[in-house]
Protein backbone atom coordinates (compact mmCIF):
# COMPACT_ATOMS: atom_id res chain seq x y z
CA MET A 1 24.64 136.26 113.56
CA SER A 2 22.70 139.20 114.93
CA PHE A 3 20.65 139.23 118.11
CA TRP A 4 17.18 140.76 118.04
CA GLN A 5 14.94 142.22 120.74
CA ILE A 6 11.25 142.20 119.80
CA LEU A 7 9.25 145.09 121.23
CA GLY A 8 5.63 145.04 120.12
CA ARG A 9 5.49 145.88 116.41
CA PHE A 10 9.22 146.71 116.28
CA ALA A 11 12.34 144.56 116.45
CA VAL A 12 15.86 145.95 116.97
CA SER A 13 19.12 144.11 116.33
CA ASP A 14 22.43 144.50 118.12
CA THR A 15 23.79 145.95 114.85
CA GLY A 16 21.17 148.73 114.79
CA GLU A 17 18.93 147.30 112.08
CA THR A 18 15.21 147.62 112.79
CA LEU A 19 12.10 145.83 111.57
CA GLN A 20 8.61 147.27 111.69
CA LYS A 21 5.55 145.08 111.32
CA LEU A 22 3.05 146.86 109.07
CA SER A 23 0.39 144.13 108.97
CA ASP A 24 -0.08 140.45 109.77
CA THR A 25 1.80 139.55 106.59
CA THR A 26 4.13 142.50 105.86
CA SER A 27 7.21 143.87 107.64
CA VAL A 28 9.81 146.37 106.48
CA SER A 29 13.46 146.64 107.49
CA SER A 30 15.46 149.81 108.00
CA ASP A 31 17.61 148.71 105.03
CA GLY A 32 14.52 148.88 102.77
CA THR A 33 13.82 145.15 102.52
CA THR A 34 10.13 144.22 102.61
CA TYR A 35 9.26 140.84 104.11
CA THR A 36 6.03 138.98 103.31
CA LYS A 37 4.89 136.12 105.53
CA MET A 38 2.87 133.31 103.94
CA GLY A 39 2.05 130.64 106.51
CA SER A 40 5.32 129.38 107.98
CA THR A 41 7.44 130.92 105.18
CA THR A 42 8.68 134.51 105.00
CA VAL A 43 10.07 135.91 101.73
CA GLY A 44 12.18 139.07 101.55
CA SER A 45 12.25 141.49 98.61
CA ASP A 46 16.03 140.93 98.63
CA GLY A 47 15.51 137.24 97.72
CA SER A 48 15.85 135.86 101.24
CA VAL A 49 13.54 133.04 102.35
CA PHE A 50 12.95 131.86 105.92
CA THR A 51 10.82 128.91 107.01
CA GLN A 52 9.69 128.40 110.59
CA MET A 53 10.28 125.02 112.23
CA GLY A 54 8.91 125.38 115.77
CA ASN A 55 10.98 128.10 117.44
CA PHE A 56 13.73 127.63 114.83
CA SER A 57 14.19 129.12 111.38
CA THR A 58 15.95 127.71 108.32
CA ASP A 59 18.69 130.37 108.71
CA GLY A 60 19.77 128.56 111.90
CA SER A 61 18.28 131.15 114.25
CA THR A 62 15.96 130.54 117.15
CA ARG A 63 13.40 132.55 119.06
CA MET A 64 12.68 132.47 122.78
CA GLY A 65 9.91 134.85 123.83
CA SER A 66 10.89 138.36 122.74
CA THR A 67 14.50 137.49 121.84
CA ALA A 68 15.75 136.04 118.55
CA THR A 69 19.25 134.98 117.52
CA GLY A 70 18.76 135.92 113.87
CA ILE A 71 16.41 137.70 111.53
CA GLY A 72 14.65 134.53 110.37
CA ALA A 73 13.47 133.75 113.89
CA VAL A 74 12.02 137.26 114.33
CA PHE A 75 9.23 136.18 111.97
CA ASN A 76 8.46 133.00 113.95
CA ASP A 77 5.16 132.84 115.76
CA LYS A 78 5.30 133.62 119.46
CA ASP A 79 6.27 130.58 121.50
CA ASP A 80 3.98 129.13 124.13
CA TRP A 81 6.06 129.92 127.21
CA PRO A 82 3.43 130.99 129.76
CA ASN A 83 5.58 133.53 131.61
CA SER A 84 7.40 135.46 128.93
CA LYS A 85 9.76 138.10 130.33
CA ALA A 86 8.19 140.58 127.92
CA ASP A 87 4.75 139.98 129.43
CA LYS A 88 6.11 140.64 132.93
CA PHE A 89 7.24 144.09 131.87
CA GLY A 90 4.07 144.95 129.97
CA VAL A 91 5.65 144.56 126.53
CA SER A 92 3.83 142.02 124.43
CA ASP A 93 5.43 140.33 121.43
CA ASP A 94 2.08 139.00 120.20
CA ASN A 95 2.34 141.17 117.08
CA TRP A 96 5.12 139.02 115.60
């Protein structure tokens, strides 16, 4: 499983893959996959499907602030932790 750092409208994995958020519903990966978010479900042009369940995703990944343990959790809504590490350093992950 990859680990992701979410930096504003970009997310970078430990394997070098990147995601760029183009709009509230559309993101594109460096491998060419386009992801469309519809409510709590995100569908990839490669056939992948992720559903958010709190901070968890159906691919078994989880998100805590600006860090995710897998690509599915990158699409999760920002958690409600009041003192996100990202906020302390002036990097907001509100765009995901």
